[in-house]
Amino acid sequence: MFVKTVLCGKGVLLKKVEIKGRSRMGMITKPKCSVQIVLEEKPIDEFYKMVISGNGPTGIATLMKSVMVQSESNLSGLHKH
């Protein structure tokens, strides 16, 4: 799962009375917002191409490359694809 877009929108501005001492008062404003995150799923072959080319997440790319080196897979053949 990859983050495709993140949208942040304004919400309703809530006002609340703040009671102080000596019969004084003030207003407290509490702004609200909404956050929408859109995820997308990529096919496994596209994910492997992205990891091998170095465009994927760094932690996953490092882990995948170390596993490939330990399993003695053909790395030069993978780079050609």
PDB file of N, CA and C in Angstrom:
ATOM      1  N   MET A   1       0.840  -1.172   0.000  1.00  0.00           N
ATOM      2  CA  MET A   1       0.000   0.000   0.000  1.00  0.00           C
ATOM      3  C   MET A   1       0.887   1.238   0.000  1.00  0.00           C
ATOM      4  N   PHE A   2       0.586   2.148  -0.880  1.00  0.00           N
ATOM      5  CA  PHE A   2       1.336   3.383  -1.006  1.00  0.00           C
ATOM      6  C   PHE A   2       0.388   4.562  -0.852  1.00  0.00           C
ATOM      7  N   VAL A   3       0.884   5.652  -0.294  1.00  0.00           N
ATOM      8  CA  VAL A   3       0.091   6.874  -0.148  1.00  0.00           C
ATOM      9  C   VAL A   3       0.064   7.575  -1.494  1.00  0.00           C
ATOM     10  N   LYS A   4      -1.133   7.743  -2.040  1.00  0.00           N
ATOM     11  CA  LYS A   4      -1.283   8.405  -3.332  1.00  0.00           C
ATOM     12  C   LYS A   4      -1.438   9.909  -3.135  1.00  0.00           C
ATOM     13  N   THR A   5      -2.386  10.326  -2.295  1.00  0.00           N
ATOM     14  CA  THR A   5      -2.576  11.750  -2.008  1.00  0.00           C
ATOM     15  C   THR A   5      -2.976  11.938  -0.555  1.00  0.00           C
ATOM     16  N   VAL A   6      -2.703  13.126  -0.043  1.00  0.00           N
ATOM     17  CA  VAL A   6      -3.136  13.531   1.288  1.00  0.00           C
ATOM     18  C   VAL A   6      -3.834  14.879   1.135  1.00  0.00           C
ATOM     19  N   LEU A   7      -5.092  14.939   1.549  1.00  0.00           N
ATOM     20  CA  LEU A   7      -5.873  16.164   1.439  1.00  0.00           C
ATOM     21  C   LEU A   7      -6.207  16.677   2.830  1.00  0.00           C
ATOM     22  N   CYS A   8      -6.018  17.963   3.050  1.00  0.00           N
ATOM     23  CA  CYS A   8      -6.329  18.585   4.338  1.00  0.00           C
ATOM     24  C   CYS A   8      -7.303  19.721   4.071  1.00  0.00           C
ATOM     25  N   GLY A   9      -8.442  19.686   4.763  1.00  0.00           N
ATOM     26  CA  GLY A   9      -9.459  20.709   4.548  1.00  0.00           C
ATOM     27  C   GLY A   9      -9.821  21.408   5.845  1.00  0.00           C
ATOM     28  N   LYS A  10     -10.374  22.606   5.698  1.00  0.00           N
ATOM     29  CA  LYS A  10     -10.807  23.364   6.869  1.00  0.00           C
ATOM     30  C   LYS A  10     -12.169  22.857   7.326  1.00  0.00           C
ATOM     31  N   GLY A  11     -12.380  22.929   8.620  1.00  0.00           N
ATOM     32  CA  GLY A  11     -13.657  22.539   9.199  1.00  0.00           C
ATOM     33  C   GLY A  11     -14.315  23.728   9.865  1.00  0.00           C
ATOM     34  N   VAL A  12     -15.246  23.447  10.745  1.00  0.00           N
ATOM     35  CA  VAL A  12     -15.986  24.474  11.456  1.00  0.00           C
ATOM     36  C   VAL A  12     -15.101  25.061  12.558  1.00  0.00           C
ATOM     37  N   LEU A  13     -15.151  26.370  12.725  1.00  0.00           N
ATOM     38  CA  LEU A  13     -14.414  27.045  13.791  1.00  0.00           C
ATOM     39  C   LEU A  13     -15.341  27.137  15.000  1.00  0.00           C
ATOM     40  N   LEU A  14     -15.025  26.381  16.043  1.00  0.00           N
ATOM     41  CA  LEU A  14     -15.863  26.367  17.239  1.00  0.00           C
ATOM     42  C   LEU A  14     -15.420  27.468  18.193  1.00  0.00           C
ATOM     43  N   LYS A  15     -16.403  28.174  18.749  1.00  0.00           N
ATOM     44  CA  LYS A  15     -16.120  29.220  19.733  1.00  0.00           C
ATOM     45  C   LYS A  15     -16.691  28.791  21.073  1.00  0.00           C
ATOM     46  N   LYS A  16     -15.931  29.064  22.121  1.00  0.00           N
ATOM     47  CA  LYS A  16     -16.327  28.650  23.462  1.00  0.00           C
ATOM     48  C   LYS A  16     -16.038  29.806  24.418  1.00  0.00           C
ATOM     49  N   VAL A  17     -16.903  30.001  25.390  1.00  0.00           N
ATOM     50  CA  VAL A  17     -16.734  31.075  26.371  1.00  0.00           C
ATOM     51  C   VAL A  17     -15.760  30.603  27.445  1.00  0.00           C
ATOM     52  N   GLU A  18     -14.771  31.460  27.758  1.00  0.00           N
ATOM     53  CA  GLU A  18     -13.811  31.175  28.818  1.00  0.00           C
ATOM     54  C   GLU A  18     -14.107  32.130  29.966  1.00  0.00           C
ATOM     55  N   ILE A  19     -14.512  31.559  31.091  1.00  0.00           N
ATOM     56  CA  ILE A  19     -14.859  32.387  32.248  1.00  0.00           C
ATOM     57  C   ILE A  19     -13.603  32.616  33.071  1.00  0.00           C
ATOM     58  N   LYS A  20     -13.329  33.902  33.363  1.00  0.00           N
ATOM     59  CA  LYS A  20     -12.160  34.283  34.133  1.00  0.00           C
ATOM     60  C   LYS A  20     -12.612  34.828  35.492  1.00  0.00           C
ATOM     61  N   GLY A  21     -11.711  35.250  36.289  1.00  0.00           N
ATOM     62  CA  GLY A  21     -12.064  35.819  37.595  1.00  0.00           C
ATOM     63  C   GLY A  21     -12.589  37.242  37.482  1.00  0.00           C
ATOM     64  N   ARG A  22     -13.216  37.741  38.556  1.00  0.00           N
ATOM     65  CA  ARG A  22     -13.730  39.112  38.670  1.00  0.00           C
ATOM     66  C   ARG A  22     -14.743  39.440  37.572  1.00  0.00           C
ATOM     67  N   SER A  23     -15.616  38.506  37.301  1.00  0.00           N
ATOM     68  CA  SER A  23     -16.706  38.609  36.310  1.00  0.00           C
ATOM     69  C   SER A  23     -16.218  39.044  34.925  1.00  0.00           C
ATOM     70  N   ARG A  24     -15.095  38.521  34.537  1.00  0.00           N
ATOM     71  CA  ARG A  24     -14.592  38.750  33.179  1.00  0.00           C
ATOM     72  C   ARG A  24     -14.718  37.452  32.387  1.00  0.00           C
ATOM     73  N   MET A  25     -14.747  37.587  31.060  1.00  0.00           N
ATOM     74  CA  MET A  25     -14.784  36.396  30.218  1.00  0.00           C
ATOM     75  C   MET A  25     -14.091  36.684  28.896  1.00  0.00           C
ATOM     76  N   GLY A  26     -13.745  35.628  28.234  1.00  0.00           N
ATOM     77  CA  GLY A  26     -13.093  35.729  26.938  1.00  0.00           C
ATOM     78  C   GLY A  26     -13.618  34.629  26.021  1.00  0.00           C
ATOM     79  N   MET A  27     -13.121  34.616  24.813  1.00  0.00           N
ATOM     80  CA  MET A  27     -13.549  33.609  23.836  1.00  0.00           C
ATOM     81  C   MET A  27     -12.368  32.697  23.506  1.00  0.00           C
ATOM     82  N   ILE A  28     -12.630  31.416  23.463  1.00  0.00           N
ATOM     83  CA  ILE A  28     -11.647  30.425  23.024  1.00  0.00           C
ATOM     84  C   ILE A  28     -12.108  29.920  21.661  1.00  0.00           C
ATOM     85  N   THR A  29     -11.232  29.939  20.691  1.00  0.00           N
ATOM     86  CA  THR A  29     -11.567  29.399  19.370  1.00  0.00           C
ATOM     87  C   THR A  29     -10.833  28.073  19.191  1.00  0.00           C
ATOM     88  N   LYS A  30     -11.567  27.083  18.728  1.00  0.00           N
ATOM     89  CA  LYS A  30     -10.995  25.766  18.495  1.00  0.00           C
ATOM     90  C   LYS A  30     -11.180  25.425  17.019  1.00  0.00           C
ATOM     91  N   PRO A  31     -10.144  25.633  16.194  1.00  0.00           N
ATOM     92  CA  PRO A  31     -10.279  25.287  14.782  1.00  0.00           C
ATOM     93  C   PRO A  31     -10.263  23.773  14.586  1.00  0.00           C
ATOM     94  N   LYS A  32     -11.047  23.298  13.661  1.00  0.00           N
ATOM     95  CA  LYS A  32     -11.117  21.874  13.327  1.00  0.00           C
ATOM     96  C   LYS A  32     -10.681  21.702  11.877  1.00  0.00           C
ATOM     97  N   CYS A  33     -10.173  20.526  11.561  1.00  0.00           N
ATOM     98  CA  CYS A  33      -9.804  20.236  10.179  1.00  0.00           C
ATOM     99  C   CYS A  33     -10.087  18.768   9.898  1.00  0.00           C
ATOM    100  N   SER A  34     -10.095  18.418   8.640  1.00  0.00           N
ATOM    101  CA  SER A  34     -10.285  17.031   8.234  1.00  0.00           C
ATOM    102  C   SER A  34      -9.105  16.623   7.358  1.00  0.00           C
ATOM    103  N   VAL A  35      -8.638  15.397   7.553  1.00  0.00           N
ATOM    104  CA  VAL A  35      -7.521  14.871   6.781  1.00  0.00           C
ATOM    105  C   VAL A  35      -8.000  13.620   6.048  1.00  0.00           C
ATOM    106  N   GLN A  36      -7.760  13.585   4.746  1.00  0.00           N
ATOM    107  CA  GLN A  36      -8.155  12.437   3.946  1.00  0.00           C
ATOM    108  C   GLN A  36      -6.906  11.872   3.281  1.00  0.00           C
ATOM    109  N   ILE A  37      -6.633  10.590   3.514  1.00  0.00           N
ATOM    110  CA  ILE A  37      -5.468   9.920   2.934  1.00  0.00           C
ATOM    111  C   ILE A  37      -5.967   8.878   1.947  1.00  0.00           C
ATOM    112  N   VAL A  38      -5.490   8.964   0.705  1.00  0.00           N
ATOM    113  CA  VAL A  38      -5.869   8.019  -0.334  1.00  0.00           C
ATOM    114  C   VAL A  38      -4.696   7.069  -0.558  1.00  0.00           C
ATOM    115  N   LEU A  39      -4.949   5.777  -0.381  1.00  0.00           N
ATOM    116  CA  LEU A  39      -3.923   4.756  -0.568  1.00  0.00           C
ATOM    117  C   LEU A  39      -4.143   4.042  -1.896  1.00  0.00           C
ATOM    118  N   GLU A  40      -3.060   3.533  -2.466  1.00  0.00           N
ATOM    119  CA  GLU A  40      -3.184   2.739  -3.674  1.00  0.00           C
ATOM    120  C   GLU A  40      -2.318   1.491  -3.536  1.00  0.00           C
ATOM    121  N   GLU A  41      -2.745   0.444  -4.188  1.00  0.00           N
ATOM    122  CA  GLU A  41      -2.018  -0.809  -4.156  1.00  0.00           C
ATOM    123  C   GLU A  41      -1.394  -1.029  -5.525  1.00  0.00           C
ATOM    124  N   LYS A  42      -0.110  -1.365  -5.530  1.00  0.00           N
ATOM    125  CA  LYS A  42       0.593  -1.584  -6.789  1.00  0.00           C
ATOM    126  C   LYS A  42       0.796  -3.077  -7.001  1.00  0.00           C
ATOM    127  N   PRO A  43       0.814  -3.523  -8.261  1.00  0.00           N
ATOM    128  CA  PRO A  43       1.078  -4.938  -8.528  1.00  0.00           C
ATOM    129  C   PRO A  43       2.485  -5.326  -8.059  1.00  0.00           C
ATOM    130  N   ILE A  44       2.658  -6.598  -7.748  1.00  0.00           N
ATOM    131  CA  ILE A  44       3.914  -7.069  -7.176  1.00  0.00           C
ATOM    132  C   ILE A  44       5.087  -6.914  -8.144  1.00  0.00           C
ATOM    133  N   ASP A  45       4.857  -7.123  -9.449  1.00  0.00           N
ATOM    134  CA  ASP A  45       5.965  -6.973 -10.401  1.00  0.00           C
ATOM    135  C   ASP A  45       6.399  -5.519 -10.521  1.00  0.00           C
ATOM    136  N   GLU A  46       5.448  -4.590 -10.448  1.00  0.00           N
ATOM    137  CA  GLU A  46       5.790  -3.162 -10.484  1.00  0.00           C
ATOM    138  C   GLU A  46       6.544  -2.756  -9.210  1.00  0.00           C
ATOM    139  N   PHE A  47       6.163  -3.360  -8.073  1.00  0.00           N
ATOM    140  CA  PHE A  47       6.837  -3.085  -6.817  1.00  0.00           C
ATOM    141  C   PHE A  47       8.290  -3.548  -6.872  1.00  0.00           C
ATOM    142  N   TYR A  48       8.537  -4.755  -7.390  1.00  0.00           N
ATOM    143  CA  TYR A  48       9.907  -5.263  -7.492  1.00  0.00           C
ATOM    144  C   TYR A  48      10.755  -4.407  -8.431  1.00  0.00           C
ATOM    145  N   LYS A  49      10.179  -3.958  -9.544  1.00  0.00           N
ATOM    146  CA  LYS A  49      10.914  -3.081 -10.461  1.00  0.00           C
ATOM    147  C   LYS A  49      11.290  -1.773  -9.766  1.00  0.00           C
ATOM    148  N   MET A  50      10.378  -1.256  -8.967  1.00  0.00           N
ATOM    149  CA  MET A  50      10.623  -0.003  -8.258  1.00  0.00           C
ATOM    150  C   MET A  50      11.725  -0.179  -7.215  1.00  0.00           C
ATOM    151  N   VAL A  51      11.718  -1.306  -6.509  1.00  0.00           N
ATOM    152  CA  VAL A  51      12.725  -1.559  -5.471  1.00  0.00           C
ATOM    153  C   VAL A  51      14.098  -1.740  -6.098  1.00  0.00           C
ATOM    154  N   ILE A  52      14.178  -2.499  -7.185  1.00  0.00           N
ATOM    155  CA  ILE A  52      15.476  -2.766  -7.829  1.00  0.00           C
ATOM    156  C   ILE A  52      16.049  -1.503  -8.455  1.00  0.00           C
ATOM    157  N   SER A  53      15.183  -0.658  -9.029  1.00  0.00           N
ATOM    158  CA  SER A  53      15.684   0.569  -9.645  1.00  0.00           C
ATOM    159  C   SER A  53      16.079   1.616  -8.611  1.00  0.00           C
ATOM    160  N   GLY A  54      15.661   1.438  -7.334  1.00  0.00           N
ATOM    161  CA  GLY A  54      16.036   2.369  -6.282  1.00  0.00           C
ATOM    162  C   GLY A  54      15.035   3.470  -6.048  1.00  0.00           C
ATOM    163  N   ASN A  55      13.826   3.361  -6.602  1.00  0.00           N
ATOM    164  CA  ASN A  55      12.804   4.396  -6.425  1.00  0.00           C
ATOM    165  C   ASN A  55      11.830   4.087  -5.298  1.00  0.00           C
ATOM    166  N   GLY A  56      11.991   2.959  -4.631  1.00  0.00           N
ATOM    167  CA  GLY A  56      11.069   2.557  -3.573  1.00  0.00           C
ATOM    168  C   GLY A  56      11.510   3.085  -2.226  1.00  0.00           C
ATOM    169  N   PRO A  57      10.791   2.684  -1.174  1.00  0.00           N
ATOM    170  CA  PRO A  57      11.184   3.057   0.180  1.00  0.00           C
ATOM    171  C   PRO A  57      12.563   2.503   0.517  1.00  0.00           C
ATOM    172  N   THR A  58      13.398   3.304   1.163  1.00  0.00           N
ATOM    173  CA  THR A  58      14.793   2.912   1.384  1.00  0.00           C
ATOM    174  C   THR A  58      14.934   1.707   2.296  1.00  0.00           C
ATOM    175  N   GLY A  59      14.113   1.607   3.327  1.00  0.00           N
ATOM    176  CA  GLY A  59      14.214   0.475   4.247  1.00  0.00           C
ATOM    177  C   GLY A  59      13.879  -0.837   3.574  1.00  0.00           C
ATOM    178  N   ILE A  60      12.839  -0.838   2.752  1.00  0.00           N
ATOM    179  CA  ILE A  60      12.439  -2.058   2.053  1.00  0.00           C
ATOM    180  C   ILE A  60      13.457  -2.411   0.989  1.00  0.00           C
ATOM    181  N   ALA A  61      13.983  -1.416   0.283  1.00  0.00           N
ATOM    182  CA  ALA A  61      14.974  -1.680  -0.760  1.00  0.00           C
ATOM    183  C   ALA A  61      16.236  -2.289  -0.168  1.00  0.00           C
ATOM    184  N   THR A  62      16.697  -1.769   0.951  1.00  0.00           N
ATOM    185  CA  THR A  62      17.892  -2.309   1.595  1.00  0.00           C
ATOM    186  C   THR A  62      17.654  -3.734   2.067  1.00  0.00           C
ATOM    187  N   LEU A  63      16.494  -3.994   2.643  1.00  0.00           N
ATOM    188  CA  LEU A  63      16.165  -5.339   3.111  1.00  0.00           C
ATOM    189  C   LEU A  63      16.082  -6.322   1.951  1.00  0.00           C
ATOM    190  N   MET A  64      15.426  -5.930   0.868  1.00  0.00           N
ATOM    191  CA  MET A  64      15.288  -6.825  -0.297  1.00  0.00           C
ATOM    192  C   MET A  64      16.642  -7.115  -0.932  1.00  0.00           C
ATOM    193  N   LYS A  65      17.498  -6.111  -1.049  1.00  0.00           N
ATOM    194  CA  LYS A  65      18.807  -6.319  -1.654  1.00  0.00           C
ATOM    195  C   LYS A  65      19.678  -7.217  -0.794  1.00  0.00           C
ATOM    196  N   SER A  66      19.603  -7.064   0.531  1.00  0.00           N
ATOM    197  CA  SER A  66      20.400  -7.931   1.397  1.00  0.00           C
ATOM    198  C   SER A  66      19.909  -9.374   1.331  1.00  0.00           C
ATOM    199  N   VAL A  67      18.596  -9.578   1.213  1.00  0.00           N
ATOM    200  CA  VAL A  67      18.058 -10.934   1.071  1.00  0.00           C
ATOM    201  C   VAL A  67      18.492 -11.544  -0.249  1.00  0.00           C
ATOM    202  N   MET A  68      18.503 -10.748  -1.324  1.00  0.00           N
ATOM    203  CA  MET A  68      18.930 -11.257  -2.627  1.00  0.00           C
ATOM    204  C   MET A  68      20.405 -11.630  -2.624  1.00  0.00           C
ATOM    205  N   VAL A  69      21.232 -10.843  -1.942  1.00  0.00           N
ATOM    206  CA  VAL A  69      22.665 -11.140  -1.873  1.00  0.00           C
ATOM    207  C   VAL A  69      22.891 -12.411  -1.061  1.00  0.00           C
ATOM    208  N   GLN A  70      22.167 -12.573   0.031  1.00  0.00           N
ATOM    209  CA  GLN A  70      22.331 -13.765   0.863  1.00  0.00           C
ATOM    210  C   GLN A  70      21.857 -15.029   0.158  1.00  0.00           C
ATOM    211  N   SER A  71      20.845 -14.905  -0.688  1.00  0.00           N
ATOM    212  CA  SER A  71      20.338 -16.080  -1.399  1.00  0.00           C
ATOM    213  C   SER A  71      21.108 -16.325  -2.696  1.00  0.00           C
ATOM    214  N   GLU A  72      22.110 -15.493  -2.983  1.00  0.00           N
ATOM    215  CA  GLU A  72      22.968 -15.627  -4.163  1.00  0.00           C
ATOM    216  C   GLU A  72      22.162 -15.631  -5.462  1.00  0.00           C
ATOM    217  N   SER A  73      21.191 -14.742  -5.562  1.00  0.00           N
ATOM    218  CA  SER A  73      20.411 -14.645  -6.772  1.00  0.00           C
ATOM    219  C   SER A  73      21.187 -13.871  -7.832  1.00  0.00           C
ATOM    220  N   ASN A  74      20.740 -13.964  -9.054  1.00  0.00           N
ATOM    221  CA  ASN A  74      21.393 -13.332 -10.189  1.00  0.00           C
ATOM    222  C   ASN A  74      20.999 -11.852 -10.254  1.00  0.00           C
ATOM    223  N   LEU A  75      21.773 -10.969  -9.617  1.00  0.00           N
ATOM    224  CA  LEU A  75      21.430  -9.543  -9.565  1.00  0.00           C
ATOM    225  C   LEU A  75      21.589  -8.848 -10.916  1.00  0.00           C
ATOM    226  N   SER A  76      22.555  -9.274 -11.719  1.00  0.00           N
ATOM    227  CA  SER A  76      22.737  -8.646 -13.029  1.00  0.00           C
ATOM    228  C   SER A  76      21.547  -8.949 -13.934  1.00  0.00           C
ATOM    229  N   GLY A  77      20.978 -10.118 -13.814  1.00  0.00           N
ATOM    230  CA  GLY A  77      19.770 -10.461 -14.596  1.00  0.00           C
ATOM    231  C   GLY A  77      18.561  -9.660 -14.160  1.00  0.00           C
ATOM    232  N   LEU A  78      18.480  -9.354 -12.884  1.00  0.00           N
ATOM    233  CA  LEU A  78      17.359  -8.548 -12.389  1.00  0.00           C
ATOM    234  C   LEU A  78      17.444  -7.100 -12.844  1.00  0.00           C
ATOM    235  N   HIS A  79      18.676  -6.558 -12.931  1.00  0.00           N
ATOM    236  CA  HIS A  79      18.829  -5.164 -13.349  1.00  0.00           C
ATOM    237  C   HIS A  79      18.444  -4.979 -14.815  1.00  0.00           C
ATOM    238  N   LYS A  80      18.552  -6.006 -15.635  1.00  0.00           N
ATOM    239  CA  LYS A  80      18.200  -5.891 -17.062  1.00  0.00           C
ATOM    240  C   LYS A  80      16.704  -5.728 -17.268  1.00  0.00           C
ATOM    241  N   HIS A  81      15.899  -6.278 -16.367  1.00  0.00           N
ATOM    242  CA  HIS A  81      14.443  -6.191 -16.495  1.00  0.00           C
ATOM    243  C   HIS A  81      14.019  -4.864 -16.010  1.00  0.00           C
TER     244      HIS A  81
END
